[in-house]
C-alpha atoms as a PDB file:
ATOM      1  CA  MET A   1    -131.844  79.140  18.385  1.00  0.00           C
ATOM      2  CA  MET A   2    -130.916  75.712  16.998  1.00  0.00           C
ATOM      3  CA  LYS A   3    -128.601  75.466  13.988  1.00  0.00           C
ATOM      4  CA  HIS A   4    -129.535  73.053  11.224  1.00  0.00           C
ATOM      5  CA  LEU A   5    -126.957  70.362  10.564  1.00  0.00           C
ATOM      6  CA  PRO A   6    -126.098  69.483   6.973  1.00  0.00           C
ATOM      7  CA  MET A   7    -128.183  66.517   5.778  1.00  0.00           C
ATOM      8  CA  ARG A   8    -125.048  64.472   4.987  1.00  0.00           C
ATOM      9  CA  LEU A   9    -124.003  64.590   8.644  1.00  0.00           C
ATOM     10  CA  PHE A  10    -127.339  63.088   9.582  1.00  0.00           C
ATOM     11  CA  LEU A  11    -127.593  60.534   6.754  1.00  0.00           C
ATOM     12  CA  ARG A  12    -124.131  58.975   7.128  1.00  0.00           C
ATOM     13  CA  PRO A  13    -124.741  57.609  10.689  1.00  0.00           C
ATOM     14  CA  VAL A  14    -128.261  56.492   9.746  1.00  0.00           C
ATOM     15  CA  LEU A  15    -127.001  54.650   6.655  1.00  0.00           C
ATOM     16  CA  SER A  16    -124.118  53.152   8.648  1.00  0.00           C
ATOM     17  CA  LEU A  17    -126.555  51.857  11.261  1.00  0.00           C
ATOM     18  CA  PHE A  18    -128.790  50.384   8.534  1.00  0.00           C
ATOM     19  CA  LEU A  19    -125.809  48.653   6.916  1.00  0.00           C
ATOM     20  CA  LEU A  20    -124.589  47.347  10.284  1.00  0.00           C
ATOM     21  CA  LEU A  21    -128.003  45.874  11.020  1.00  0.00           C
ATOM     22  CA  ALA A  22    -128.105  44.330   7.555  1.00  0.00           C
ATOM     23  CA  THR A  23    -124.884  42.440   8.302  1.00  0.00           C
ATOM     24  CA  VAL A  24    -126.462  40.590  11.211  1.00  0.00           C
ATOM     25  CA  MET A  25    -129.668  39.653   9.420  1.00  0.00           C
ATOM     26  CA  PRO A  26    -129.863  36.038   8.249  1.00  0.00           C
ATOM     27  CA  ALA A  27    -129.113  35.400   4.598  1.00  0.00           C
ATOM     28  CA  ALA A  28    -131.149  33.166   2.357  1.00  0.00           C
ATOM     29  CA  ALA A  29    -129.938  29.590   2.204  1.00  0.00           C
ATOM     30  CA  GLN A  30    -128.244  29.746  -1.216  1.00  0.00           C
ATOM     31  CA  ASP A  31    -124.891  28.621  -2.565  1.00  0.00           C
ATOM     32  CA  MET A  32    -122.520  31.556  -2.191  1.00  0.00           C
ATOM     33  CA  THR A  33    -119.356  32.260  -4.189  1.00  0.00           C
ATOM     34  CA  ALA A  34    -116.592  34.799  -3.625  1.00  0.00           C
ATOM     35  CA  LEU A  35    -116.441  38.050  -5.584  1.00  0.00           C
ATOM     36  CA  SER A  36    -114.065  40.977  -5.142  1.00  0.00           C
ATOM     37  CA  VAL A  37    -113.934  44.519  -6.489  1.00  0.00           C
ATOM     38  CA  GLU A  38    -110.615  46.325  -6.813  1.00  0.00           C
ATOM     39  CA  THR A  39    -111.295  49.908  -5.695  1.00  0.00           C
ATOM     40  CA  ALA A  40    -108.948  52.887  -5.290  1.00  0.00           C
ATOM     41  CA  GLY A  41    -109.112  52.220  -1.536  1.00  0.00           C
ATOM     42  CA  GLY A  42    -108.362  48.499  -1.778  1.00  0.00           C
ATOM     43  CA  GLU A  43    -110.166  45.238  -2.376  1.00  0.00           C
ATOM     44  CA  ARG A  44    -113.829  44.923  -1.364  1.00  0.00           C
ATOM     45  CA  ARG A  45    -115.075  41.332  -0.958  1.00  0.00           C
ATOM     46  CA  PHE A  46    -118.598  39.963  -1.226  1.00  0.00           C
ATOM     47  CA  ALA A  47    -120.280  36.584  -0.945  1.00  0.00           C
ATOM     48  CA  VAL A  48    -122.686  36.384  -3.875  1.00  0.00           C
ATOM     49  CA  GLU A  49    -125.421  34.139  -5.132  1.00  0.00           C
ATOM     50  CA  VAL A  50    -125.112  33.596  -8.874  1.00  0.00           C
ATOM     51  CA  ALA A  51    -128.274  33.946 -10.937  1.00  0.00           C
ATOM     52  CA  ASP A  52    -127.409  32.172 -14.175  1.00  0.00           C
ATOM     53  CA  THR A  53    -130.630  30.499 -15.272  1.00  0.00           C
ATOM     54  CA  PRO A  54    -133.770  32.171 -16.621  1.00  0.00           C
ATOM     55  CA  ALA A  55    -135.628  31.285 -13.395  1.00  0.00           C
ATOM     56  CA  THR A  56    -132.976  32.617 -10.997  1.00  0.00           C
ATOM     57  CA  ARG A  57    -132.475  35.772 -13.079  1.00  0.00           C
ATOM     58  CA  ARG A  58    -136.237  36.362 -13.185  1.00  0.00           C
ATOM     59  CA  ARG A  59    -136.592  36.025  -9.398  1.00  0.00           C
ATOM     60  CA  GLY A  60    -133.410  37.863  -8.442  1.00  0.00           C
ATOM     61  CA  LEU A  61    -133.717  39.463  -5.006  1.00  0.00           C
ATOM     62  CA  MET A  62    -137.500  39.786  -5.148  1.00  0.00           C
ATOM     63  CA  PHE A  63    -139.213  39.438  -1.765  1.00  0.00           C
ATOM     64  CA  ARG A  64    -135.916  39.609   0.183  1.00  0.00           C
ATOM     65  CA  GLU A  65    -136.395  41.795   3.221  1.00  0.00           C
ATOM     66  CA  ALA A  66    -132.776  41.776   4.413  1.00  0.00           C
ATOM     67  CA  MET A  67    -129.316  40.968   3.111  1.00  0.00           C
ATOM     68  CA  PRO A  68    -125.969  41.155   4.915  1.00  0.00           C
ATOM     69  CA  LEU A  69    -123.761  44.105   3.973  1.00  0.00           C
ATOM     70  CA  ASP A  70    -121.103  41.867   2.431  1.00  0.00           C
ATOM     71  CA  HIS A  71    -123.533  39.819   0.319  1.00  0.00           C
ATOM     72  CA  GLY A  72    -125.074  40.330  -3.078  1.00  0.00           C
ATOM     73  CA  MET A  73    -126.426  38.666  -6.188  1.00  0.00           C
ATOM     74  CA  LEU A  74    -124.460  38.338  -9.422  1.00  0.00           C
ATOM     75  CA  PHE A  75    -126.524  37.945 -12.593  1.00  0.00           C
ATOM     76  CA  ASN A  76    -124.621  36.155 -15.355  1.00  0.00           C
ATOM     77  CA  PHE A  77    -125.958  36.856 -18.859  1.00  0.00           C
ATOM     78  CA  GLU A  78    -122.859  35.430 -20.621  1.00  0.00           C
ATOM     79  CA  ARG A  79    -123.207  37.886 -23.559  1.00  0.00           C
ATOM     80  CA  ASN A  80    -122.305  41.566 -23.584  1.00  0.00           C
ATOM     81  CA  GLN A  81    -125.498  43.485 -24.368  1.00  0.00           C
ATOM     82  CA  HIS A  82    -127.554  46.315 -22.943  1.00  0.00           C
ATOM     83  CA  GLN A  83    -129.295  45.130 -19.778  1.00  0.00           C
ATOM     84  CA  SER A  84    -132.331  46.546 -17.995  1.00  0.00           C
ATOM     85  CA  PHE A  85    -133.496  45.896 -14.424  1.00  0.00           C
ATOM     86  CA  TRP A  86    -136.417  46.939 -12.261  1.00  0.00           C
ATOM     87  CA  MET A  87    -137.351  46.684  -8.600  1.00  0.00           C
ATOM     88  CA  LYS A  88    -140.700  44.910  -8.894  1.00  0.00           C
ATOM     89  CA  ASN A  89    -141.462  43.024  -5.644  1.00  0.00           C
ATOM     90  CA  THR A  90    -138.063  44.029  -4.228  1.00  0.00           C
ATOM     91  CA  PRO A  91    -138.323  45.626  -0.759  1.00  0.00           C
ATOM     92  CA  LEU A  92    -134.579  46.353  -0.390  1.00  0.00           C
ATOM     93  CA  PRO A  93    -133.003  49.483  -1.892  1.00  0.00           C
ATOM     94  CA  LEU A  94    -130.194  48.226  -4.120  1.00  0.00           C
ATOM     95  CA  ASP A  95    -127.108  49.463  -5.930  1.00  0.00           C
ATOM     96  CA  ILE A  96    -127.180  47.904  -9.407  1.00  0.00           C
ATOM     97  CA  ILE A  97    -123.679  47.512 -10.835  1.00  0.00           C
ATOM     98  CA  PHE A  98    -123.348  46.692 -14.551  1.00  0.00           C
ATOM     99  CA  ILE A  99    -120.173  44.788 -15.533  1.00  0.00           C
ATOM    100  CA  ASP A 100    -118.754  43.948 -18.971  1.00  0.00           C
ATOM    101  CA  ARG A 101    -117.381  40.540 -19.984  1.00  0.00           C
ATOM    102  CA  ARG A 102    -113.841  41.524 -18.868  1.00  0.00           C
ATOM    103  CA  GLY A 103    -115.111  42.244 -15.347  1.00  0.00           C
ATOM    104  CA  ILE A 104    -114.941  46.039 -15.695  1.00  0.00           C
ATOM    105  CA  ILE A 105    -117.729  48.114 -14.099  1.00  0.00           C
ATOM    106  CA  VAL A 106    -119.380  50.106 -16.911  1.00  0.00           C
ATOM    107  CA  HIS A 107    -122.301  51.687 -15.016  1.00  0.00           C
ATOM    108  CA  ILE A 108    -123.698  51.969 -11.489  1.00  0.00           C
ATOM    109  CA  HIS A 109    -127.258  52.852 -10.558  1.00  0.00           C
ATOM    110  CA  HIS A 110    -127.205  53.896  -6.903  1.00  0.00           C
ATOM    111  CA  ASN A 111    -130.067  53.283  -4.466  1.00  0.00           C
ATOM    112  CA  ALA A 112    -132.732  51.822  -6.744  1.00  0.00           C
ATOM    113  CA  VAL A 113    -136.125  52.514  -5.199  1.00  0.00           C
ATOM    114  CA  PRO A 114    -137.919  49.499  -3.659  1.00  0.00           C
ATOM    115  CA  TYR A 115    -140.916  48.230  -5.651  1.00  0.00           C
ATOM    116  CA  ASP A 116    -140.340  50.734  -8.507  1.00  0.00           C
ATOM    117  CA  GLU A 117    -141.142  49.198 -11.888  1.00  0.00           C
ATOM    118  CA  THR A 118    -139.347  51.891 -13.883  1.00  0.00           C
ATOM    119  CA  PRO A 119    -136.668  50.248 -16.065  1.00  0.00           C
ATOM    120  CA  ILE A 120    -133.062  50.805 -14.982  1.00  0.00           C
ATOM    121  CA  PRO A 121    -130.940  50.382 -18.125  1.00  0.00           C
ATOM    122  CA  SER A 122    -127.192  49.968 -18.473  1.00  0.00           C
ATOM    123  CA  VAL A 123    -125.595  52.837 -20.363  1.00  0.00           C
ATOM    124  CA  ARG A 124    -123.105  50.443 -21.992  1.00  0.00           C
ATOM    125  CA  PRO A 125    -123.291  46.739 -22.839  1.00  0.00           C
ATOM    126  CA  ALA A 126    -122.827  44.416 -19.870  1.00  0.00           C
ATOM    127  CA  SER A 127    -122.595  40.655 -19.474  1.00  0.00           C
ATOM    128  CA  ALA A 128    -123.204  40.654 -15.716  1.00  0.00           C
ATOM    129  CA  VAL A 129    -124.934  42.689 -13.045  1.00  0.00           C
ATOM    130  CA  LEU A 130    -124.067  42.799  -9.344  1.00  0.00           C
ATOM    131  CA  GLU A 131    -126.772  43.836  -6.900  1.00  0.00           C
ATOM    132  CA  VAL A 132    -125.743  44.916  -3.398  1.00  0.00           C
ATOM    133  CA  ASN A 133    -127.515  46.815  -0.631  1.00  0.00           C
ATOM    134  CA  GLY A 134    -128.282  50.415  -1.507  1.00  0.00           C
ATOM    135  CA  GLY A 135    -125.455  52.714  -0.449  1.00  0.00           C
ATOM    136  CA  VAL A 136    -122.789  49.995  -0.324  1.00  0.00           C
ATOM    137  CA  ALA A 137    -121.155  50.995  -3.621  1.00  0.00           C
ATOM    138  CA  ARG A 138    -120.493  54.563  -2.475  1.00  0.00           C
ATOM    139  CA  LEU A 139    -119.480  53.575   1.071  1.00  0.00           C
ATOM    140  CA  SER A 140    -117.076  50.966  -0.330  1.00  0.00           C
ATOM    141  CA  GLY A 141    -115.575  53.254  -2.961  1.00  0.00           C
ATOM    142  CA  ILE A 142    -116.882  51.111  -5.825  1.00  0.00           C
ATOM    143  CA  ALA A 143    -116.783  53.138  -9.054  1.00  0.00           C
ATOM    144  CA  MET A 144    -117.007  52.841 -12.817  1.00  0.00           C
ATOM    145  CA  GLY A 145    -113.819  51.355 -14.248  1.00  0.00           C
ATOM    146  CA  ASN A 146    -113.132  49.163 -11.186  1.00  0.00           C
ATOM    147  CA  GLN A 147    -112.160  45.537 -11.850  1.00  0.00           C
ATOM    148  CA  VAL A 148    -114.521  42.835 -10.566  1.00  0.00           C
ATOM    149  CA  ARG A 149    -113.011  39.400  -9.968  1.00  0.00           C
ATOM    150  CA  HIS A 150    -115.178  36.295 -10.078  1.00  0.00           C
ATOM    151  CA  ALA A 151    -115.146  32.897 -11.779  1.00  0.00           C
ATOM    152  CA  ILE A 152    -117.668  34.008 -14.448  1.00  0.00           C
ATOM    153  CA  PHE A 153    -115.115  36.533 -15.748  1.00  0.00           C
ATOM    154  CA  GLY A 154    -112.262  33.995 -15.714  1.00  0.00           C
ATOM    155  CA  ASN A 155    -110.051  36.468 -13.855  1.00  0.00           C
ATOM    156  CA  LEU A 156    -109.596  35.007 -10.384  1.00  0.00           C
ATOM    157  CA  ALA A 157    -106.135  35.461  -8.907  1.00  0.00           C
ATOM    158  CA  GLU A 158    -104.153  32.235  -8.893  1.00  0.00           C
END
């Protein structure tokens, strides 16, 4: 008789393989900037595209079929207010990380469902949103209250 393994033992290697494959997939030809998140386990670095115009914010990661594990998109709204996202035309599962004007993570929506048009609201006001591959936030130890460092927050280390 075969014993059933806990689902988490199966999912972790599958997710790790997915994330490994995502790191070798070609990225879109966009200008990338450095972003880091200070987690309990240390600094986690990403190369991000900044969406800071109505057109780039509207398009976001729509139609992207792959993104390297250490990449993401940072939406800059400049004002702290409640934000809402959706996954229309987005084939990648994403972690949606809401960040206030000081660079503090105020909410994380894990593994947003591809193509789902259900609104994903921030629970607190945010001036920026970081989108990364689904599962990356948990695997990286990214949590609410972590400090995000990027030029848009004016908090880069000297």
